[in-house]
Amino acid sequence: MRTALELIQVVERAGARFQFDGDRLGVAPARVVQHVLEDLRQHKTEIVELLQSGSNPDPERTERMPTMPPGVRLIRWEPKARPVQLSRCSTVTDVDKFIRSTLRQVEARLHGKSWLAGGWTLSTLLERLEVCGCFVKLDNPRQAVQ
């Protein structure tokens, strides 16, 4: 039987990605890791803890899963390779740092501190995260249209 860390490495080396939806953990595409799906189910809690702790199980993987601010759930984590071109003539060269700072801006915006969010609207911040491969969902979707 493999450890949680070994299973994370198997999934990443197969080219699959972990996906989160609340308490649900998925792997896409699942067909490439069918041979370890039962092990993944048995080690789900440990895998989630390792991924959310930001530990880096694969030395070649530089981007770590960020901690989500209150009211925000991670749906899919597929960080893009740099550089990432954003709209409005912006280029992201450090995707990991950009995602973390944008999540801080989202948190500020959720708390009504638009000046700490760089004046960006919540929907624009969420769109910028998606362009970089961090797909999130708000617990209260109405906040995105405010």
N, C-alpha and C. Protein backbone atom coordinates (compact mmCIF):
# COMPACT_ATOMS: atom_id res chain seq x y z
N MET A 1 0.85 -1.18 0.00
CA MET A 1 0.00 0.00 0.00
C MET A 1 0.89 1.25 0.00
N ARG A 2 0.49 2.23 -0.77
CA ARG A 2 1.24 3.48 -0.90
C ARG A 2 0.81 4.48 0.15
N THR A 3 1.72 5.41 0.46
CA THR A 3 1.40 6.50 1.39
C THR A 3 0.66 7.59 0.65
N ALA A 4 0.06 8.53 1.39
CA ALA A 4 -0.65 9.65 0.77
C ALA A 4 0.29 10.47 -0.11
N LEU A 5 1.49 10.68 0.36
CA LEU A 5 2.48 11.45 -0.40
C LEU A 5 2.82 10.75 -1.72
N GLU A 6 3.00 9.46 -1.67
CA GLU A 6 3.29 8.69 -2.89
C GLU A 6 2.11 8.75 -3.87
N LEU A 7 0.89 8.70 -3.33
CA LEU A 7 -0.29 8.77 -4.19
C LEU A 7 -0.40 10.12 -4.89
N ILE A 8 -0.09 11.18 -4.18
CA ILE A 8 -0.10 12.52 -4.79
C ILE A 8 0.90 12.56 -5.94
N GLN A 9 2.07 11.99 -5.72
CA GLN A 9 3.09 11.97 -6.76
C GLN A 9 2.65 11.14 -7.96
N VAL A 10 1.99 10.01 -7.72
CA VAL A 10 1.48 9.16 -8.81
C VAL A 10 0.48 9.94 -9.66
N VAL A 11 -0.44 10.64 -9.01
CA VAL A 11 -1.46 11.41 -9.72
C VAL A 11 -0.82 12.52 -10.55
N GLU A 12 0.08 13.27 -9.94
CA GLU A 12 0.70 14.39 -10.65
C GLU A 12 1.58 13.92 -11.80
N ARG A 13 2.29 12.85 -11.61
CA ARG A 13 3.15 12.34 -12.69
C ARG A 13 2.35 11.76 -13.84
N ALA A 14 1.13 11.32 -13.56
CA ALA A 14 0.25 10.78 -14.61
C ALA A 14 -0.41 11.91 -15.40
N GLY A 15 -0.19 13.15 -14.95
CA GLY A 15 -0.78 14.29 -15.65
C GLY A 15 -2.19 14.62 -15.20
N ALA A 16 -2.64 14.02 -14.12
CA ALA A 16 -3.97 14.29 -13.58
C ALA A 16 -3.88 15.42 -12.55
N ARG A 17 -5.02 15.98 -12.21
CA ARG A 17 -5.10 17.07 -11.24
C ARG A 17 -6.16 16.75 -10.20
N PHE A 18 -5.92 17.22 -8.99
CA PHE A 18 -6.91 17.08 -7.93
C PHE A 18 -7.93 18.20 -8.07
N GLN A 19 -9.21 17.89 -7.80
CA GLN A 19 -10.28 18.87 -7.84
C GLN A 19 -11.05 18.78 -6.53
N PHE A 20 -11.42 19.94 -6.00
CA PHE A 20 -12.15 20.02 -4.75
C PHE A 20 -13.51 20.63 -4.98
N ASP A 21 -14.50 20.09 -4.30
CA ASP A 21 -15.83 20.69 -4.27
C ASP A 21 -16.35 20.45 -2.86
N GLY A 22 -16.16 21.43 -2.01
CA GLY A 22 -16.52 21.26 -0.61
C GLY A 22 -15.67 20.18 0.02
N ASP A 23 -16.32 19.13 0.53
CA ASP A 23 -15.61 18.01 1.15
C ASP A 23 -15.24 16.93 0.14
N ARG A 24 -15.64 17.11 -1.11
CA ARG A 24 -15.40 16.12 -2.15
C ARG A 24 -14.05 16.32 -2.80
N LEU A 25 -13.31 15.24 -2.94
CA LEU A 25 -12.01 15.27 -3.62
C LEU A 25 -12.12 14.41 -4.86
N GLY A 26 -11.75 14.97 -6.00
CA GLY A 26 -11.79 14.23 -7.24
C GLY A 26 -10.45 14.31 -7.95
N VAL A 27 -10.28 13.47 -8.95
CA VAL A 27 -9.08 13.47 -9.77
C VAL A 27 -9.54 13.49 -11.22
N ALA A 28 -8.95 14.38 -12.00
CA ALA A 28 -9.31 14.46 -13.42
C ALA A 28 -8.05 14.51 -14.27
N PRO A 29 -7.99 13.76 -15.30
CA PRO A 29 -8.93 12.70 -15.69
C PRO A 29 -8.68 11.45 -14.86
N ALA A 30 -9.73 10.90 -14.32
CA ALA A 30 -9.64 9.74 -13.42
C ALA A 30 -9.13 8.49 -14.12
N ARG A 31 -9.37 8.38 -15.41
CA ARG A 31 -8.98 7.16 -16.13
C ARG A 31 -7.47 6.91 -16.08
N VAL A 32 -6.67 7.98 -15.96
CA VAL A 32 -5.21 7.77 -15.97
C VAL A 32 -4.68 7.26 -14.63
N VAL A 33 -5.52 7.30 -13.60
CA VAL A 33 -5.08 6.81 -12.28
C VAL A 33 -6.03 5.77 -11.72
N GLN A 34 -6.75 5.07 -12.59
CA GLN A 34 -7.70 4.06 -12.13
C GLN A 34 -7.05 3.00 -11.25
N HIS A 35 -5.80 2.71 -11.53
CA HIS A 35 -5.10 1.66 -10.77
C HIS A 35 -4.86 2.03 -9.31
N VAL A 36 -5.03 3.31 -8.95
CA VAL A 36 -4.82 3.71 -7.55
C VAL A 36 -6.06 4.38 -6.93
N LEU A 37 -7.20 4.32 -7.62
CA LEU A 37 -8.40 4.99 -7.09
C LEU A 37 -8.81 4.49 -5.71
N GLU A 38 -8.72 3.20 -5.49
CA GLU A 38 -9.10 2.66 -4.17
C GLU A 38 -8.15 3.18 -3.09
N ASP A 39 -6.86 3.22 -3.39
CA ASP A 39 -5.88 3.77 -2.43
C ASP A 39 -6.16 5.24 -2.17
N LEU A 40 -6.54 5.98 -3.22
CA LEU A 40 -6.86 7.40 -3.05
C LEU A 40 -8.05 7.58 -2.11
N ARG A 41 -9.05 6.72 -2.26
CA ARG A 41 -10.23 6.80 -1.37
C ARG A 41 -9.83 6.54 0.08
N GLN A 42 -8.97 5.56 0.28
CA GLN A 42 -8.55 5.20 1.64
C GLN A 42 -7.72 6.30 2.31
N HIS A 43 -6.98 7.06 1.51
CA HIS A 43 -6.09 8.09 2.05
C HIS A 43 -6.60 9.50 1.81
N LYS A 44 -7.90 9.64 1.53
CA LYS A 44 -8.47 10.94 1.17
C LYS A 44 -8.14 12.02 2.19
N THR A 45 -8.37 11.78 3.45
CA THR A 45 -8.15 12.79 4.48
C THR A 45 -6.70 13.24 4.51
N GLU A 46 -5.77 12.30 4.46
CA GLU A 46 -4.34 12.64 4.48
C GLU A 46 -3.94 13.41 3.23
N ILE A 47 -4.49 13.02 2.09
CA ILE A 47 -4.17 13.70 0.83
C ILE A 47 -4.64 15.14 0.88
N VAL A 48 -5.87 15.35 1.32
CA VAL A 48 -6.41 16.71 1.41
C VAL A 48 -5.55 17.55 2.35
N GLU A 49 -5.17 17.00 3.49
CA GLU A 49 -4.33 17.74 4.44
C GLU A 49 -2.99 18.12 3.82
N LEU A 50 -2.37 17.18 3.11
CA LEU A 50 -1.09 17.46 2.47
C LEU A 50 -1.22 18.54 1.41
N LEU A 51 -2.25 18.44 0.58
CA LEU A 51 -2.43 19.42 -0.48
C LEU A 51 -2.75 20.81 0.07
N GLN A 52 -3.58 20.86 1.09
CA GLN A 52 -3.97 22.15 1.65
C GLN A 52 -2.88 22.76 2.52
N SER A 53 -1.97 21.95 3.01
CA SER A 53 -0.89 22.48 3.85
C SER A 53 0.15 23.22 3.03
N GLY A 54 0.08 23.02 1.70
CA GLY A 54 1.06 23.68 0.86
C GLY A 54 2.37 22.92 0.78
N SER A 55 2.40 21.70 1.31
CA SER A 55 3.63 20.92 1.17
C SER A 55 3.84 20.62 -0.30
N ASN A 56 5.06 20.43 -0.68
CA ASN A 56 5.38 20.24 -2.09
C ASN A 56 5.85 18.82 -2.31
N PRO A 57 4.92 17.87 -2.59
CA PRO A 57 5.30 16.47 -2.72
C PRO A 57 6.16 16.19 -3.94
N ASP A 58 6.04 16.98 -4.98
CA ASP A 58 6.81 16.78 -6.19
C ASP A 58 7.77 17.95 -6.34
N PRO A 59 9.07 17.73 -6.26
CA PRO A 59 10.02 18.83 -6.33
C PRO A 59 9.93 19.63 -7.61
N GLU A 60 9.40 19.03 -8.69
CA GLU A 60 9.28 19.76 -9.94
C GLU A 60 8.06 20.68 -9.95
N ARG A 61 7.16 20.49 -9.03
CA ARG A 61 5.95 21.31 -8.98
C ARG A 61 6.23 22.52 -8.10
N THR A 62 6.22 23.71 -8.67
CA THR A 62 6.57 24.90 -7.92
C THR A 62 5.36 25.57 -7.30
N GLU A 63 4.18 25.44 -7.92
CA GLU A 63 3.01 26.11 -7.38
C GLU A 63 2.37 25.25 -6.29
N ARG A 64 2.09 25.86 -5.16
CA ARG A 64 1.45 25.15 -4.05
C ARG A 64 0.01 25.62 -3.93
N MET A 65 -0.84 24.72 -3.49
CA MET A 65 -2.23 25.06 -3.32
C MET A 65 -2.37 26.10 -2.21
N PRO A 66 -3.03 27.22 -2.49
CA PRO A 66 -3.17 28.28 -1.49
C PRO A 66 -4.26 27.97 -0.47
N THR A 67 -4.20 28.65 0.65
CA THR A 67 -5.24 28.58 1.66
C THR A 67 -6.36 29.52 1.24
N MET A 68 -7.58 29.04 1.28
CA MET A 68 -8.72 29.84 0.86
C MET A 68 -9.18 30.75 1.99
N PRO A 69 -9.53 32.00 1.65
CA PRO A 69 -10.08 32.89 2.66
C PRO A 69 -11.48 32.43 3.07
N PRO A 70 -11.96 32.86 4.23
CA PRO A 70 -13.32 32.49 4.65
C PRO A 70 -14.34 32.94 3.61
N GLY A 71 -15.28 32.06 3.29
CA GLY A 71 -16.32 32.37 2.33
C GLY A 71 -15.97 32.00 0.90
N VAL A 72 -14.76 31.43 0.70
CA VAL A 72 -14.32 31.06 -0.64
C VAL A 72 -13.92 29.59 -0.62
N ARG A 73 -14.40 28.82 -1.61
CA ARG A 73 -14.05 27.40 -1.71
C ARG A 73 -13.28 27.14 -2.99
N LEU A 74 -12.25 26.34 -2.89
CA LEU A 74 -11.48 25.94 -4.06
C LEU A 74 -12.24 24.86 -4.80
N ILE A 75 -12.48 25.07 -6.09
CA ILE A 75 -13.21 24.11 -6.92
C ILE A 75 -12.23 23.28 -7.74
N ARG A 76 -11.27 23.95 -8.35
CA ARG A 76 -10.30 23.25 -9.19
C ARG A 76 -8.96 23.98 -9.11
N TRP A 77 -7.89 23.22 -9.00
CA TRP A 77 -6.54 23.78 -8.87
C TRP A 77 -5.71 23.28 -10.04
N GLU A 78 -5.53 24.13 -11.03
CA GLU A 78 -4.76 23.80 -12.22
C GLU A 78 -3.89 25.00 -12.59
N PRO A 79 -2.89 25.33 -11.77
CA PRO A 79 -2.10 26.54 -12.04
C PRO A 79 -1.42 26.46 -13.41
N LYS A 80 -1.48 27.55 -14.12
CA LYS A 80 -0.89 27.63 -15.46
C LYS A 80 0.62 27.85 -15.35
N ALA A 81 1.31 27.43 -16.39
CA ALA A 81 2.75 27.69 -16.48
C ALA A 81 2.94 29.17 -16.81
N ARG A 82 3.98 29.74 -16.30
CA ARG A 82 4.23 31.15 -16.57
C ARG A 82 4.90 31.33 -17.92
N PRO A 83 4.79 32.46 -18.52
CA PRO A 83 4.00 33.63 -18.12
C PRO A 83 2.53 33.46 -18.51
N VAL A 84 1.66 34.10 -17.76
CA VAL A 84 0.22 34.08 -18.05
C VAL A 84 -0.17 35.49 -18.47
N GLN A 85 -0.83 35.59 -19.60
CA GLN A 85 -1.25 36.88 -20.10
C GLN A 85 -2.66 37.19 -19.60
N LEU A 86 -2.82 38.29 -18.88
CA LEU A 86 -4.13 38.74 -18.42
C LEU A 86 -4.64 39.81 -19.37
N SER A 87 -5.94 40.07 -19.29
CA SER A 87 -6.47 41.17 -20.09
C SER A 87 -5.92 42.48 -19.53
N ARG A 88 -6.06 43.53 -20.24
CA ARG A 88 -5.57 44.85 -19.85
C ARG A 88 -4.04 44.92 -19.80
N CYS A 89 -3.41 44.23 -20.73
CA CYS A 89 -1.95 44.32 -20.92
C CYS A 89 -1.14 43.95 -19.68
N SER A 90 -1.55 42.94 -18.97
CA SER A 90 -0.80 42.48 -17.80
C SER A 90 -0.26 41.09 -18.06
N THR A 91 0.95 40.84 -17.57
CA THR A 91 1.55 39.53 -17.68
C THR A 91 1.97 39.07 -16.30
N VAL A 92 1.59 37.86 -15.93
CA VAL A 92 1.95 37.30 -14.63
C VAL A 92 3.18 36.42 -14.83
N THR A 93 4.25 36.73 -14.11
CA THR A 93 5.46 35.92 -14.22
C THR A 93 5.63 34.98 -13.04
N ASP A 94 5.00 35.27 -11.91
CA ASP A 94 5.04 34.40 -10.74
C ASP A 94 3.60 34.02 -10.40
N VAL A 95 3.12 32.94 -10.99
CA VAL A 95 1.71 32.54 -10.87
C VAL A 95 1.34 32.26 -9.42
N ASP A 96 2.20 31.56 -8.69
CA ASP A 96 1.93 31.22 -7.29
C ASP A 96 1.72 32.49 -6.46
N LYS A 97 2.62 33.43 -6.58
CA LYS A 97 2.54 34.68 -5.83
C LYS A 97 1.31 35.49 -6.24
N PHE A 98 1.01 35.51 -7.54
CA PHE A 98 -0.14 36.25 -8.04
C PHE A 98 -1.44 35.68 -7.47
N ILE A 99 -1.58 34.36 -7.47
CA ILE A 99 -2.79 33.73 -6.95
C ILE A 99 -2.96 34.06 -5.47
N ARG A 100 -1.89 33.95 -4.70
CA ARG A 100 -1.99 34.24 -3.26
C ARG A 100 -2.35 35.70 -3.00
N SER A 101 -1.75 36.62 -3.73
CA SER A 101 -2.07 38.04 -3.50
C SER A 101 -3.49 38.35 -3.97
N THR A 102 -3.94 37.72 -5.06
CA THR A 102 -5.30 37.94 -5.53
C THR A 102 -6.32 37.38 -4.54
N LEU A 103 -6.00 36.25 -3.91
CA LEU A 103 -6.90 35.72 -2.87
C LEU A 103 -6.97 36.68 -1.68
N ARG A 104 -5.88 37.33 -1.35
CA ARG A 104 -5.92 38.34 -0.27
C ARG A 104 -6.80 39.51 -0.69
N GLN A 105 -6.75 39.90 -1.97
CA GLN A 105 -7.61 40.96 -2.47
C GLN A 105 -9.08 40.54 -2.42
N VAL A 106 -9.36 39.27 -2.75
CA VAL A 106 -10.73 38.76 -2.67
C VAL A 106 -11.22 38.85 -1.23
N GLU A 107 -10.39 38.42 -0.30
CA GLU A 107 -10.77 38.48 1.11
C GLU A 107 -11.05 39.92 1.55
N ALA A 108 -10.19 40.85 1.13
CA ALA A 108 -10.40 42.26 1.47
C ALA A 108 -11.72 42.76 0.89
N ARG A 109 -11.97 42.42 -0.35
CA ARG A 109 -13.20 42.85 -1.01
C ARG A 109 -14.43 42.28 -0.31
N LEU A 110 -14.35 41.02 0.13
CA LEU A 110 -15.47 40.40 0.84
C LEU A 110 -15.75 41.10 2.16
N HIS A 111 -14.73 41.74 2.72
CA HIS A 111 -14.88 42.47 3.98
C HIS A 111 -15.11 43.97 3.75
N GLY A 112 -15.42 44.34 2.51
CA GLY A 112 -15.75 45.74 2.21
C GLY A 112 -14.56 46.67 2.16
N LYS A 113 -13.37 46.16 2.00
CA LYS A 113 -12.16 46.99 1.97
C LYS A 113 -11.63 47.05 0.54
N SER A 114 -12.37 47.79 -0.30
CA SER A 114 -12.02 47.84 -1.72
C SER A 114 -10.64 48.41 -1.97
N TRP A 115 -10.17 49.31 -1.13
CA TRP A 115 -8.83 49.88 -1.31
C TRP A 115 -7.75 48.83 -1.16
N LEU A 116 -7.98 47.81 -0.32
CA LEU A 116 -7.02 46.71 -0.18
C LEU A 116 -7.14 45.70 -1.31
N ALA A 117 -8.23 45.81 -2.07
CA ALA A 117 -8.45 44.92 -3.21
C ALA A 117 -7.97 45.58 -4.49
N GLY A 118 -7.24 46.68 -4.36
CA GLY A 118 -6.72 47.38 -5.52
C GLY A 118 -7.80 48.03 -6.36
N GLY A 119 -8.98 48.19 -5.78
CA GLY A 119 -10.09 48.78 -6.51
C GLY A 119 -10.76 47.82 -7.48
N TRP A 120 -10.27 46.58 -7.56
CA TRP A 120 -10.86 45.59 -8.46
C TRP A 120 -12.21 45.13 -7.91
N THR A 121 -13.14 44.84 -8.80
CA THR A 121 -14.41 44.27 -8.37
C THR A 121 -14.19 42.80 -8.03
N LEU A 122 -15.08 42.24 -7.27
CA LEU A 122 -14.97 40.83 -6.88
C LEU A 122 -15.03 39.92 -8.10
N SER A 123 -15.93 40.21 -9.02
CA SER A 123 -16.04 39.37 -10.22
C SER A 123 -14.77 39.44 -11.06
N THR A 124 -14.12 40.59 -11.14
CA THR A 124 -12.86 40.71 -11.89
C THR A 124 -11.75 39.93 -11.20
N LEU A 125 -11.69 39.99 -9.89
CA LEU A 125 -10.67 39.23 -9.15
C LEU A 125 -10.85 37.73 -9.36
N LEU A 126 -12.09 37.26 -9.33
CA LEU A 126 -12.36 35.83 -9.55
C LEU A 126 -11.99 35.42 -10.97
N GLU A 127 -12.25 36.29 -11.92
CA GLU A 127 -11.88 36.02 -13.31
C GLU A 127 -10.36 35.94 -13.46
N ARG A 128 -9.64 36.83 -12.80
CA ARG A 128 -8.17 36.82 -12.86
C ARG A 128 -7.60 35.54 -12.27
N LEU A 129 -8.23 35.04 -11.20
CA LEU A 129 -7.80 33.77 -10.61
C LEU A 129 -8.00 32.62 -11.61
N GLU A 130 -9.15 32.61 -12.28
CA GLU A 130 -9.43 31.55 -13.25
C GLU A 130 -8.43 31.54 -14.40
N VAL A 131 -8.05 32.72 -14.88
CA VAL A 131 -7.09 32.80 -15.97
C VAL A 131 -5.77 32.13 -15.57
N CYS A 132 -5.44 32.21 -14.28
CA CYS A 132 -4.20 31.60 -13.78
C CYS A 132 -4.39 30.14 -13.36
N GLY A 133 -5.62 29.63 -13.41
CA GLY A 133 -5.85 28.22 -13.12
C GLY A 133 -6.34 27.91 -11.71
N CYS A 134 -6.80 28.93 -10.99
CA CYS A 134 -7.34 28.74 -9.64
C CYS A 134 -8.84 29.02 -9.72
N PHE A 135 -9.64 27.97 -9.71
CA PHE A 135 -11.08 28.10 -9.85
C PHE A 135 -11.72 28.01 -8.47
N VAL A 136 -12.42 29.07 -8.08
CA VAL A 136 -13.03 29.14 -6.76
C VAL A 136 -14.51 29.45 -6.89
N LYS A 137 -15.21 29.21 -5.79
CA LYS A 137 -16.63 29.52 -5.72
C LYS A 137 -16.86 30.22 -4.39
N LEU A 138 -17.71 31.24 -4.42
CA LEU A 138 -18.06 31.95 -3.19
C LEU A 138 -19.19 31.22 -2.48
N ASP A 139 -19.12 31.17 -1.15
CA ASP A 139 -20.22 30.58 -0.39
C ASP A 139 -21.50 31.37 -0.59
N ASN A 140 -21.37 32.70 -0.78
CA ASN A 140 -22.52 33.57 -1.04
C ASN A 140 -22.30 34.21 -2.41
N PRO A 141 -22.79 33.58 -3.50
CA PRO A 141 -22.55 34.08 -4.85
C PRO A 141 -23.07 35.49 -5.11
N ARG A 142 -24.02 35.96 -4.32
CA ARG A 142 -24.56 37.31 -4.51
C ARG A 142 -23.49 38.37 -4.29
N GLN A 143 -22.47 38.05 -3.50
CA GLN A 143 -21.42 39.01 -3.23
C GLN A 143 -20.64 39.39 -4.49
N ALA A 144 -20.57 38.49 -5.47
CA ALA A 144 -19.81 38.74 -6.68
C ALA A 144 -20.45 39.83 -7.54
N VAL A 145 -21.73 40.04 -7.41
CA VAL A 145 -22.39 41.06 -8.24
C VAL A 145 -22.51 42.40 -7.53
N GLN A 146 -22.05 42.50 -6.32
CA GLN A 146 -22.12 43.75 -5.59
C GLN A 146 -21.01 44.69 -5.98
